[in-house]
Structures are given as C-alpha cells and as structure tokens.
C-alpha atoms as a PDB file:
ATOM      1  CA  MET A   1      12.551  29.273 -29.650  1.00  0.00           C
ATOM      2  CA  SER A   2       9.821  30.130 -27.025  1.00  0.00           C
ATOM      3  CA  ALA A   3       8.543  28.319 -23.788  1.00  0.00           C
ATOM      4  CA  LEU A   4       5.424  27.757 -22.372  1.00  0.00           C
ATOM      5  CA  ARG A   5       5.757  28.074 -18.580  1.00  0.00           C
ATOM      6  CA  GLY A   6       3.407  27.405 -15.648  1.00  0.00           C
ATOM      7  CA  HIS A   7       3.303  25.312 -12.593  1.00  0.00           C
ATOM      8  CA  GLY A   8       4.296  22.094 -14.536  1.00  0.00           C
ATOM      9  CA  GLY A   9       7.602  23.505 -15.685  1.00  0.00           C
ATOM     10  CA  PRO A  10       8.533  24.514 -19.030  1.00  0.00           C
ATOM     11  CA  ARG A  11       7.800  22.672 -22.397  1.00  0.00           C
ATOM     12  CA  TYR A  12      10.231  24.007 -25.035  1.00  0.00           C
ATOM     13  CA  LYS A  13       9.677  24.242 -28.935  1.00  0.00           C
ATOM     14  CA  HIS A  14      11.363  25.674 -31.658  1.00  0.00           C
ATOM     15  CA  ALA A  15       9.498  28.381 -33.921  1.00  0.00           C
ATOM     16  CA  SER A  16       8.773  26.333 -36.609  1.00  0.00           C
ATOM     17  CA  GLY A  17       6.210  23.802 -33.844  1.00  0.00           C
ATOM     18  CA  GLU A  18       8.988  20.869 -34.001  1.00  0.00           C
ATOM     19  CA  SER A  19      10.130  19.653 -30.528  1.00  0.00           C
ATOM     20  CA  GLU A  20      13.854  20.663 -29.260  1.00  0.00           C
ATOM     21  CA  PRO A  21      15.887  17.489 -29.434  1.00  0.00           C
ATOM     22  CA  TYR A  22      16.563  16.783 -26.045  1.00  0.00           C
ATOM     23  CA  GLY A  23      20.337  17.067 -24.868  1.00  0.00           C
ATOM     24  CA  THR A  24      20.930  15.699 -21.190  1.00  0.00           C
ATOM     25  CA  ILE A  25      18.363  13.204 -20.777  1.00  0.00           C
ATOM     26  CA  ARG A  26      17.134   9.838 -22.877  1.00  0.00           C
ATOM     27  CA  VAL A  27      13.579  10.134 -24.130  1.00  0.00           C
ATOM     28  CA  GLU A  28      11.851   6.370 -24.884  1.00  0.00           C
ATOM     29  CA  LYS A  29       8.239   6.287 -25.799  1.00  0.00           C
ATOM     30  CA  LEU A  30       6.316   3.675 -24.938  1.00  0.00           C
ATOM     31  CA  THR A  31       3.218   4.900 -26.782  1.00  0.00           C
ATOM     32  CA  PRO A  32       2.730   7.442 -29.402  1.00  0.00           C
ATOM     33  CA  ILE A  33      -0.236   8.686 -26.893  1.00  0.00           C
ATOM     34  CA  ILE A  34       1.235   8.523 -23.412  1.00  0.00           C
ATOM     35  CA  GLY A  35       4.097   7.331 -21.466  1.00  0.00           C
ATOM     36  CA  ALA A  36       7.994   7.344 -21.938  1.00  0.00           C
ATOM     37  CA  GLU A  37      11.113   5.775 -19.931  1.00  0.00           C
ATOM     38  CA  ILE A  38      13.602   8.593 -19.494  1.00  0.00           C
ATOM     39  CA  GLY A  39      17.409   7.528 -18.950  1.00  0.00           C
ATOM     40  CA  GLY A  40      20.774   9.340 -18.138  1.00  0.00           C
ATOM     41  CA  VAL A  41      19.477  10.671 -14.987  1.00  0.00           C
ATOM     42  CA  ASP A  42      20.322  10.031 -11.430  1.00  0.00           C
ATOM     43  CA  LEU A  43      17.086  11.478  -9.652  1.00  0.00           C
ATOM     44  CA  ALA A  44      19.293  11.911  -6.093  1.00  0.00           C
ATOM     45  CA  ARG A  45      21.229  14.621  -7.897  1.00  0.00           C
ATOM     46  CA  PRO A  46      19.570  15.896 -11.116  1.00  0.00           C
ATOM     47  CA  THR A  47      21.253  18.766 -13.014  1.00  0.00           C
ATOM     48  CA  ASN A  48      19.339  21.692 -13.240  1.00  0.00           C
ATOM     49  CA  ARG A  49      19.664  20.959 -17.563  1.00  0.00           C
ATOM     50  CA  ALA A  50      18.282  17.627 -16.566  1.00  0.00           C
ATOM     51  CA  LEU A  51      15.222  19.268 -14.347  1.00  0.00           C
ATOM     52  CA  ASP A  52      14.084  21.575 -17.322  1.00  0.00           C
ATOM     53  CA  GLU A  53      14.238  18.215 -19.493  1.00  0.00           C
ATOM     54  CA  ILE A  54      12.057  16.261 -17.152  1.00  0.00           C
ATOM     55  CA  HIS A  55      10.032  19.923 -17.153  1.00  0.00           C
ATOM     56  CA  ARG A  56       9.408  19.281 -20.739  1.00  0.00           C
ATOM     57  CA  ALA A  57       8.977  15.525 -21.043  1.00  0.00           C
ATOM     58  CA  LEU A  58       6.063  15.223 -18.466  1.00  0.00           C
ATOM     59  CA  ALA A  59       4.081  18.018 -20.691  1.00  0.00           C
ATOM     60  CA  GLU A  60       5.018  15.921 -23.699  1.00  0.00           C
ATOM     61  CA  ASN A  61       4.288  12.403 -22.405  1.00  0.00           C
ATOM     62  CA  LEU A  62       2.188  12.988 -19.520  1.00  0.00           C
ATOM     63  CA  VAL A  63       3.843  10.099 -17.474  1.00  0.00           C
ATOM     64  CA  ILE A  64       7.438   9.300 -17.418  1.00  0.00           C
ATOM     65  CA  PHE A  65       9.526   6.390 -15.725  1.00  0.00           C
ATOM     66  CA  PHE A  66      12.818   5.753 -14.489  1.00  0.00           C
ATOM     67  CA  ARG A  67      14.584   3.152 -13.724  1.00  0.00           C
ATOM     68  CA  ASP A  68      17.131   1.745 -11.193  1.00  0.00           C
ATOM     69  CA  GLN A  69      16.813   4.496  -9.052  1.00  0.00           C
ATOM     70  CA  GLU A  70      18.638   4.732  -5.337  1.00  0.00           C
ATOM     71  CA  LEU A  71      17.008   7.216  -3.081  1.00  0.00           C
ATOM     72  CA  THR A  72      16.553   7.921  -0.094  1.00  0.00           C
ATOM     73  CA  PRO A  73      13.365   9.944   1.496  1.00  0.00           C
ATOM     74  CA  GLU A  74      15.246  13.073   1.743  1.00  0.00           C
ATOM     75  CA  GLN A  75      16.072  12.380  -1.938  1.00  0.00           C
ATOM     76  CA  HIS A  76      13.284  11.632  -3.048  1.00  0.00           C
ATOM     77  CA  LEU A  77      11.385  14.952  -1.286  1.00  0.00           C
ATOM     78  CA  ALA A  78      13.913  17.258  -2.696  1.00  0.00           C
ATOM     79  CA  PHE A  79      13.166  16.182  -6.494  1.00  0.00           C
ATOM     80  CA  GLY A  80       9.667  16.291  -5.685  1.00  0.00           C
ATOM     81  CA  ARG A  81      10.495  20.061  -4.623  1.00  0.00           C
ATOM     82  CA  HIS A  82      12.215  20.667  -7.736  1.00  0.00           C
ATOM     83  CA  PHE A  83       8.353  20.975  -9.340  1.00  0.00           C
ATOM     84  CA  GLY A  84       6.775  22.675  -6.456  1.00  0.00           C
ATOM     85  CA  PRO A  85       5.344  22.599  -2.991  1.00  0.00           C
ATOM     86  CA  LEU A  86       4.504  19.235  -1.495  1.00  0.00           C
ATOM     87  CA  HIS A  87       1.049  18.038  -1.127  1.00  0.00           C
ATOM     88  CA  ILE A  88      -0.135  16.720   2.158  1.00  0.00           C
ATOM     89  CA  HIS A  89      -2.191  13.537   1.388  1.00  0.00           C
ATOM     90  CA  PRO A  90      -5.953  14.246   3.784  1.00  0.00           C
ATOM     91  CA  ALA A  91      -6.484  10.587   4.768  1.00  0.00           C
ATOM     92  CA  ALA A  92      -3.302   8.390   3.819  1.00  0.00           C
ATOM     93  CA  PRO A  93      -0.518   7.140   6.211  1.00  0.00           C
ATOM     94  CA  HIS A  94       3.019   8.670   5.498  1.00  0.00           C
ATOM     95  CA  ALA A  95       6.586   7.795   6.841  1.00  0.00           C
ATOM     96  CA  PRO A  96       7.745   8.439  10.011  1.00  0.00           C
ATOM     97  CA  GLY A  97       8.621  12.431  10.230  1.00  0.00           C
ATOM     98  CA  HIS A  98       8.014  13.296   6.706  1.00  0.00           C
ATOM     99  CA  PRO A  99       4.033  13.986   6.393  1.00  0.00           C
ATOM    100  CA  GLU A 100       4.267  14.548   2.778  1.00  0.00           C
ATOM    101  CA  MET A 101       5.903  11.398   1.992  1.00  0.00           C
ATOM    102  CA  MET A 102       2.549   8.582   1.778  1.00  0.00           C
ATOM    103  CA  ILE A 103       3.325   5.008   1.930  1.00  0.00           C
ATOM    104  CA  ILE A 104       2.270   2.679  -0.870  1.00  0.00           C
ATOM    105  CA  HIS A 105       2.008  -0.290   0.591  1.00  0.00           C
ATOM    106  CA  ALA A 106      -0.111  -3.980  -0.081  1.00  0.00           C
ATOM    107  CA  ASP A 107       0.776  -7.309   1.242  1.00  0.00           C
ATOM    108  CA  LYS A 108      -0.946 -10.813   2.176  1.00  0.00           C
ATOM    109  CA  ASP A 109      -2.820  -9.098   4.730  1.00  0.00           C
ATOM    110  CA  SER A 110      -3.764  -6.220   2.788  1.00  0.00           C
ATOM    111  CA  PRO A 111      -7.682  -5.481   2.487  1.00  0.00           C
ATOM    112  CA  ARG A 112      -6.890  -3.933  -0.447  1.00  0.00           C
ATOM    113  CA  ALA A 113      -4.311  -1.539  -2.547  1.00  0.00           C
ATOM    114  CA  ASN A 114      -4.077   1.507  -3.343  1.00  0.00           C
ATOM    115  CA  GLY A 115      -5.374   3.109  -6.661  1.00  0.00           C
ATOM    116  CA  GLU A 116      -7.229   0.226  -7.853  1.00  0.00           C
ATOM    117  CA  GLU A 117      -9.873   2.311  -9.719  1.00  0.00           C
ATOM    118  CA  TRP A 118      -9.145   4.754 -12.252  1.00  0.00           C
ATOM    119  CA  HIS A 119      -8.533   8.293 -10.767  1.00  0.00           C
ATOM    120  CA  SER A 120      -6.329  11.569 -10.783  1.00  0.00           C
ATOM    121  CA  ASP A 121      -5.090  11.762  -7.122  1.00  0.00           C
ATOM    122  CA  VAL A 122      -7.285  13.522  -4.779  1.00  0.00           C
ATOM    123  CA  SER A 123      -9.362  15.421  -7.217  1.00  0.00           C
ATOM    124  CA  CYS A 124     -11.909  16.078  -4.588  1.00  0.00           C
ATOM    125  CA  ASP A 125      -9.352  18.522  -3.052  1.00  0.00           C
ATOM    126  CA  LEU A 126      -9.655  22.379  -3.775  1.00  0.00           C
ATOM    127  CA  GLU A 127      -6.573  22.715  -5.459  1.00  0.00           C
ATOM    128  CA  PRO A 128      -5.927  18.782  -6.438  1.00  0.00           C
ATOM    129  CA  PRO A 129      -2.488  17.844  -7.136  1.00  0.00           C
ATOM    130  CA  MET A 130      -0.150  18.363 -10.206  1.00  0.00           C
ATOM    131  CA  GLY A 131       1.808  15.718 -10.174  1.00  0.00           C
ATOM    132  CA  SER A 132       2.892  12.462  -8.283  1.00  0.00           C
ATOM    133  CA  ILE A 133       6.152  10.730  -8.170  1.00  0.00           C
ATOM    134  CA  LEU A 134       5.959   7.246  -6.565  1.00  0.00           C
ATOM    135  CA  TYR A 135       9.295   5.382  -6.283  1.00  0.00           C
ATOM    136  CA  ILE A 136       8.959   1.616  -5.563  1.00  0.00           C
ATOM    137  CA  ARG A 137      11.277  -0.499  -3.922  1.00  0.00           C
ATOM    138  CA  THR A 138       9.880  -3.974  -3.423  1.00  0.00           C
ATOM    139  CA  CYS A 139       7.988  -5.455  -6.386  1.00  0.00           C
ATOM    140  CA  PRO A 140       6.092  -8.841  -6.611  1.00  0.00           C
ATOM    141  CA  PRO A 141       7.297 -11.068  -9.103  1.00  0.00           C
ATOM    142  CA  VAL A 142       4.738 -10.839 -11.702  1.00  0.00           C
ATOM    143  CA  GLY A 143       2.010  -8.489 -11.716  1.00  0.00           C
ATOM    144  CA  GLY A 144       0.998  -4.850  -9.734  1.00  0.00           C
ATOM    145  CA  ASP A 145       1.401  -3.209 -13.027  1.00  0.00           C
ATOM    146  CA  THR A 146       0.252   0.624 -13.142  1.00  0.00           C
ATOM    147  CA  LEU A 147      -2.118   1.672 -16.515  1.00  0.00           C
ATOM    148  CA  PHE A 148      -1.937   5.430 -17.551  1.00  0.00           C
ATOM    149  CA  ALA A 149      -4.699   6.958 -19.841  1.00  0.00           C
ATOM    150  CA  ASN A 150      -4.602  10.398 -21.892  1.00  0.00           C
ATOM    151  CA  MET A 151      -7.239  12.531 -20.916  1.00  0.00           C
ATOM    152  CA  TYR A 152      -6.279  14.700 -23.491  1.00  0.00           C
ATOM    153  CA  ALA A 153      -7.254  11.594 -26.029  1.00  0.00           C
ATOM    154  CA  ALA A 154     -10.038  10.868 -24.322  1.00  0.00           C
ATOM    155  CA  TYR A 155     -11.538  14.464 -24.753  1.00  0.00           C
ATOM    156  CA  ASP A 156     -10.192  14.608 -28.809  1.00  0.00           C
ATOM    157  CA  ALA A 157     -12.049  11.526 -29.443  1.00  0.00           C
ATOM    158  CA  LEU A 158     -15.151  13.034 -28.420  1.00  0.00           C
ATOM    159  CA  SER A 159     -17.759  14.162 -30.937  1.00  0.00           C
ATOM    160  CA  ASP A 160     -18.450  17.653 -31.354  1.00  0.00           C
ATOM    161  CA  ARG A 161     -21.508  17.567 -29.939  1.00  0.00           C
ATOM    162  CA  MET A 162     -20.682  15.956 -27.044  1.00  0.00           C
ATOM    163  CA  LYS A 163     -17.886  18.659 -26.409  1.00  0.00           C
ATOM    164  CA  GLN A 164     -20.352  20.978 -26.562  1.00  0.00           C
ATOM    165  CA  TYR A 165     -22.626  19.235 -24.426  1.00  0.00           C
ATOM    166  CA  LEU A 166     -19.860  19.024 -21.731  1.00  0.00           C
ATOM    167  CA  ASP A 167     -18.606  22.744 -22.483  1.00  0.00           C
ATOM    168  CA  GLY A 168     -19.449  24.747 -18.978  1.00  0.00           C
ATOM    169  CA  LEU A 169     -20.403  21.834 -17.051  1.00  0.00           C
ATOM    170  CA  ALA A 170     -19.470  21.489 -13.230  1.00  0.00           C
ATOM    171  CA  ALA A 171     -19.287  18.108 -11.151  1.00  0.00           C
ATOM    172  CA  ILE A 172     -18.663  17.175  -7.960  1.00  0.00           C
ATOM    173  CA  HIS A 173     -15.550  15.440  -6.384  1.00  0.00           C
ATOM    174  CA  ASP A 174     -15.616  13.764  -3.185  1.00  0.00           C
ATOM    175  CA  GLY A 175     -13.348  12.229  -0.737  1.00  0.00           C
ATOM    176  CA  GLU A 176     -15.581  11.096   1.706  1.00  0.00           C
ATOM    177  CA  GLN A 177     -16.704   7.190  -0.066  1.00  0.00           C
ATOM    178  CA  VAL A 178     -12.989   6.883  -0.916  1.00  0.00           C
ATOM    179  CA  TYR A 179     -10.846   7.620   2.475  1.00  0.00           C
ATOM    180  CA  ARG A 180     -13.555   6.894   5.410  1.00  0.00           C
ATOM    181  CA  GLY A 181     -12.250   3.614   7.074  1.00  0.00           C
ATOM    182  CA  THR A 182      -9.758   2.985   4.267  1.00  0.00           C
ATOM    183  CA  TYR A 183      -7.034   3.292   6.427  1.00  0.00           C
ATOM    184  CA  ALA A 184      -8.304   1.675   9.212  1.00  0.00           C
ATOM    185  CA  ASN A 185      -5.648  -1.438   8.725  1.00  0.00           C
ATOM    186  CA  TYR A 186      -2.884   1.174   9.376  1.00  0.00           C
ATOM    187  CA  GLY A 187      -3.993   2.668  12.286  1.00  0.00           C
ATOM    188  CA  VAL A 188      -4.999   5.981  10.733  1.00  0.00           C
ATOM    189  CA  GLU A 189      -8.128   7.299  12.608  1.00  0.00           C
ATOM    190  CA  ASP A 190     -11.153   8.493  10.377  1.00  0.00           C
ATOM    191  CA  LYS A 191     -11.591  12.446  10.166  1.00  0.00           C
ATOM    192  CA  LYS A 192     -14.579  13.952  10.676  1.00  0.00           C
ATOM    193  CA  THR A 193     -14.838  15.415   6.846  1.00  0.00           C
ATOM    194  CA  TYR A 194     -12.698  14.868   4.057  1.00  0.00           C
ATOM    195  CA  PRO A 195     -11.659  17.390   0.841  1.00  0.00           C
ATOM    196  CA  ARG A 196     -15.370  17.700  -1.498  1.00  0.00           C
ATOM    197  CA  ALA A 197     -14.692  20.491  -4.677  1.00  0.00           C
ATOM    198  CA  GLU A 198     -16.501  21.423  -7.444  1.00  0.00           C
ATOM    199  CA  HIS A 199     -14.018  21.421 -10.790  1.00  0.00           C
ATOM    200  CA  PRO A 200     -14.738  21.435 -14.390  1.00  0.00           C
ATOM    201  CA  VAL A 201     -15.867  18.653 -16.287  1.00  0.00           C
ATOM    202  CA  VAL A 202     -13.427  19.594 -18.932  1.00  0.00           C
ATOM    203  CA  ARG A 203     -10.241  21.468 -17.544  1.00  0.00           C
ATOM    204  CA  THR A 204      -7.570  23.331 -19.507  1.00  0.00           C
ATOM    205  CA  HIS A 205      -4.108  22.696 -18.541  1.00  0.00           C
ATOM    206  CA  PRO A 206      -2.231  25.829 -17.370  1.00  0.00           C
ATOM    207  CA  VAL A 207       1.175  24.491 -19.127  1.00  0.00           C
ATOM    208  CA  THR A 208       0.261  23.141 -22.635  1.00  0.00           C
ATOM    209  CA  GLY A 209      -3.535  25.306 -22.710  1.00  0.00           C
ATOM    210  CA  LYS A 210      -4.772  21.888 -23.863  1.00  0.00           C
ATOM    211  CA  LYS A 211      -8.040  20.486 -23.078  1.00  0.00           C
ATOM    212  CA  ALA A 212      -8.741  17.371 -21.106  1.00  0.00           C
ATOM    213  CA  LEU A 213     -11.202  15.811 -19.471  1.00  0.00           C
ATOM    214  CA  TYR A 214     -11.598  15.650 -16.036  1.00  0.00           C
ATOM    215  CA  VAL A 215     -13.508  13.371 -14.152  1.00  0.00           C
ATOM    216  CA  ASN A 216     -12.773  10.034 -12.866  1.00  0.00           C
ATOM    217  CA  ARG A 217     -14.620   6.938 -11.629  1.00  0.00           C
ATOM    218  CA  GLY A 218     -12.822   6.972  -7.840  1.00  0.00           C
ATOM    219  CA  PHE A 219     -14.099  10.695  -6.628  1.00  0.00           C
ATOM    220  CA  THR A 220     -16.751  12.174  -9.327  1.00  0.00           C
ATOM    221  CA  ARG A 221     -20.014  11.581  -7.940  1.00  0.00           C
ATOM    222  CA  ARG A 222     -22.488  14.435  -9.848  1.00  0.00           C
ATOM    223  CA  ILE A 223     -22.560  16.411 -12.826  1.00  0.00           C
ATOM    224  CA  LEU A 224     -24.215  19.489 -11.891  1.00  0.00           C
ATOM    225  CA  GLY A 225     -26.983  21.744 -13.627  1.00  0.00           C
ATOM    226  CA  ILE A 226     -28.816  18.284 -14.982  1.00  0.00           C
ATOM    227  CA  PRO A 227     -30.912  15.983 -14.085  1.00  0.00           C
ATOM    228  CA  THR A 228     -29.465  13.084 -11.618  1.00  0.00           C
ATOM    229  CA  ASP A 229     -30.327  10.119 -14.124  1.00  0.00           C
ATOM    230  CA  GLU A 230     -28.587  12.235 -16.840  1.00  0.00           C
ATOM    231  CA  SER A 231     -25.500  12.735 -14.693  1.00  0.00           C
ATOM    232  CA  GLU A 232     -25.199   9.042 -14.192  1.00  0.00           C
ATOM    233  CA  GLY A 233     -25.822   8.302 -17.804  1.00  0.00           C
ATOM    234  CA  ILE A 234     -23.152  10.972 -18.907  1.00  0.00           C
ATOM    235  CA  LEU A 235     -20.840   9.941 -16.187  1.00  0.00           C
ATOM    236  CA  ARG A 236     -21.325   6.343 -17.220  1.00  0.00           C
ATOM    237  CA  TYR A 237     -20.536   6.651 -20.841  1.00  0.00           C
ATOM    238  CA  LEU A 238     -17.181   9.023 -19.876  1.00  0.00           C
ATOM    239  CA  PHE A 239     -15.767   6.412 -17.390  1.00  0.00           C
ATOM    240  CA  GLU A 240     -16.350   3.759 -20.031  1.00  0.00           C
ATOM    241  CA  HIS A 241     -14.911   6.137 -23.007  1.00  0.00           C
ATOM    242  CA  MET A 242     -11.546   7.416 -21.224  1.00  0.00           C
ATOM    243  CA  GLN A 243     -10.618   3.680 -20.340  1.00  0.00           C
ATOM    244  CA  HIS A 244     -10.266   2.884 -23.984  1.00  0.00           C
ATOM    245  CA  PRO A 245      -6.865   0.958 -24.711  1.00  0.00           C
ATOM    246  CA  LEU A 246      -5.673   3.582 -27.316  1.00  0.00           C
ATOM    247  CA  PHE A 247      -5.628   5.653 -24.621  1.00  0.00           C
ATOM    248  CA  GLN A 248      -3.594   3.822 -22.591  1.00  0.00           C
ATOM    249  CA  CYS A 249       0.009   2.539 -21.662  1.00  0.00           C
ATOM    250  CA  ARG A 250       1.011   0.230 -19.181  1.00  0.00           C
ATOM    251  CA  PHE A 251       3.874   0.097 -16.981  1.00  0.00           C
ATOM    252  CA  ARG A 252       5.525  -3.083 -15.672  1.00  0.00           C
ATOM    253  CA  TRP A 253       7.455  -2.163 -12.126  1.00  0.00           C
ATOM    254  CA  ARG A 254      10.965  -3.677 -11.336  1.00  0.00           C
ATOM    255  CA  PRO A 255      12.272  -2.649  -7.852  1.00  0.00           C
ATOM    256  CA  ASN A 256      13.718   0.990  -7.714  1.00  0.00           C
ATOM    257  CA  SER A 257      11.641   2.421 -10.344  1.00  0.00           C
ATOM    258  CA  VAL A 258       9.801   5.763 -10.159  1.00  0.00           C
ATOM    259  CA  ALA A 259       6.763   6.788 -12.204  1.00  0.00           C
ATOM    260  CA  PHE A 260       6.068  10.728 -12.483  1.00  0.00           C
ATOM    261  CA  TRP A 261       2.790  11.458 -13.869  1.00  0.00           C
ATOM    262  CA  ASP A 262       0.653  14.741 -14.589  1.00  0.00           C
ATOM    263  CA  ASN A 263      -2.630  14.341 -12.861  1.00  0.00           C
ATOM    264  CA  ARG A 264      -4.145  17.340 -14.493  1.00  0.00           C
ATOM    265  CA  CYS A 265      -3.995  15.226 -18.153  1.00  0.00           C
ATOM    266  CA  ALA A 266      -3.833  11.596 -16.676  1.00  0.00           C
ATOM    267  CA  GLN A 267      -5.554   9.170 -15.244  1.00  0.00           C
ATOM    268  CA  HIS A 268      -4.232   5.554 -13.577  1.00  0.00           C
ATOM    269  CA  HIS A 269      -5.281   2.520 -12.227  1.00  0.00           C
ATOM    270  CA  ALA A 270      -3.704   0.146 -10.298  1.00  0.00           C
ATOM    271  CA  MET A 271      -3.904  -3.736 -10.465  1.00  0.00           C
ATOM    272  CA  TRP A 272      -3.728  -5.841  -7.486  1.00  0.00           C
ATOM    273  CA  ASP A 273      -3.212  -8.757  -9.377  1.00  0.00           C
ATOM    274  CA  TYR A 274      -0.174 -10.332  -7.234  1.00  0.00           C
ATOM    275  CA  TRP A 275      -1.563 -11.399  -4.059  1.00  0.00           C
ATOM    276  CA  PRO A 276      -0.296 -12.733  -1.780  1.00  0.00           C
ATOM    277  CA  HIS A 277       2.870 -11.123  -2.584  1.00  0.00           C
ATOM    278  CA  THR A 278       4.098  -7.548  -1.556  1.00  0.00           C
ATOM    279  CA  ARG A 279       4.477  -4.194  -3.769  1.00  0.00           C
ATOM    280  CA  SER A 280       5.737  -1.659  -1.261  1.00  0.00           C
ATOM    281  CA  GLY A 281       7.450   2.230  -2.047  1.00  0.00           C
ATOM    282  CA  PHE A 282       6.356   5.710  -1.293  1.00  0.00           C
ATOM    283  CA  ARG A 283       4.421   8.806  -3.018  1.00  0.00           C
ATOM    284  CA  VAL A 284       5.637  12.077  -3.285  1.00  0.00           C
ATOM    285  CA  THR A 285       2.843  14.554  -4.761  1.00  0.00           C
ATOM    286  CA  VAL A 286       3.185  18.365  -5.789  1.00  0.00           C
ATOM    287  CA  GLN A 287       0.648  20.808  -5.273  1.00  0.00           C
ATOM    288  CA  GLY A 288      -1.551  21.992  -8.039  1.00  0.00           C
ATOM    289  CA  GLU A 289      -3.857  24.782  -9.151  1.00  0.00           C
ATOM    290  CA  ARG A 290      -7.701  24.894  -9.126  1.00  0.00           C
ATOM    291  CA  PRO A 291      -8.570  23.654 -12.042  1.00  0.00           C
ATOM    292  CA  VAL A 292     -10.206  25.690 -14.663  1.00  0.00           C
END
C-alpha cells in the first residue's frame, strides 16, 4: 500500500491500484464524477483515523458533505486546522473575534448572496486556498442549493488539440471587480487594493498529480501571451465547457450541514433562488499553495 501526501492530506491505494475500504467513516457518492456524503463522524470530536479518511475522501470525491453536525465556532476552526493553517479572506466580514471565520449570510434585505457565480474561492490570491469548509445553520424552506463541478473531468473532456494549446498558458485572476463595494451592506470599508495574481490555466494537483482546469468566471480576467479577443473567446468557451451538467453534483442544504470542497480541482456556484428567506452560516478556509 502507498500513500500520496500533500497539503490536502493522504490518499491511500493498494499496490493493485484499488482503493482501500474505509474503516471509520461511511462514504456514499452523490454522482460517479463528484461529491459524496460522509457519515459516521462527529466533526466536533473527530478521531485521528476519521481525519485521515476524510483527507482521503476529499481527494477521491473533490467535495464531501456532512449532515447533522453541531459545531461551536471554536470546533469549526479546530476542524479546519487539522488540514492546515487557516486563510483570512481579503474582503469579507468575519465572526467577532475570529478573523478566519467568514460570515455567509443572505436574507430579504441582502443586495446579493455569496458565490452566485461559478468560481474557485479567492483564486486571485498568490497562494489560493486549498479547501473551504462551509457550515450552514439556517436554511430556506426550499432552494439555496450549491452546485459543484469537477475540473479534472472538465480538463479530461477537452480535445487533445485544446490541451496542447492551453499547455503552458497563464491567466490573470483579479479580485478588484469581485470585492470592491461588495460587502458595504455589512459596514465593511473597501481596501485600497485587492489581490491579483497570475496562475496557470491548467494546474497539477499537489496530492493526486492530476491536471485540472484553473480558470473561473468569478476571478479570471485574461489569458496572457495571446491577443485580447482570442483570450476572451477561449475563456468564454472554457467557462461554458466547465459548466456542463455531466461534471456536476448538486447539494441540498439542511440545517447543520457541512460542505468541504477542494478549491484546487473543483468550482462551485451558490443558488440565490430563496429570496426573501434566509440562508446563514460560517465558512472556514484552509490555506493553499501557489498553483503549478
């Protein structure tokens, strides 16, 4: 048996290539491509064996979901720290006394909701987050689902010619248009500048070694080294391509549910179809590495 280790944790396989059965947690896939519900674990008090298997389930499924969890802010933060140092959002409001805990809230008075466009969290950072752990306490009676898409599958489905074309290209990810003025309704003052970074259009995952598309509608502004109109055309094609339903799963929230997704190989889109109802919780985000 061998273990592939990286910032996202271990993924275990037998020498034959077959995945080893889980011994502590239950894993029920949502689709063959992406997503799984995890049972048999209390995230407030996870054992070391359960944490090891959660690492693996995340690597194998890209996004994992937990139901009926009761977490204090301290327990939510502690769970995130099992996977690495925590990231502080460059713009969003945070829970009092906990700068690493982002507020996720939309109600009848909100001008917008978090994550309404397909994106990978804070990809404009020089070292974008590895993963995000969202804990929703209050849900609307219907609606408010989150969609997730597999960027390995999106890359694999490209033609060989397109893969060759994208190889070695880089793109600008910019937070300016995303963040300026966005959180004014929370009383958050804008900063002078917001993160801006250059990342490869196709990145290699540090744990699995697999290639994934790494551009998104939310933050990616331009592919470098090609004419502007060509960049616009290629990005438009990639954005439409990666939204294909075959690459997706859809999660229906219930109160006290948790979603944990890998920003390095998955994108997500939060549906704001529940106005005037409320959806509310907190997100803890784990630091990542510079994409390569």
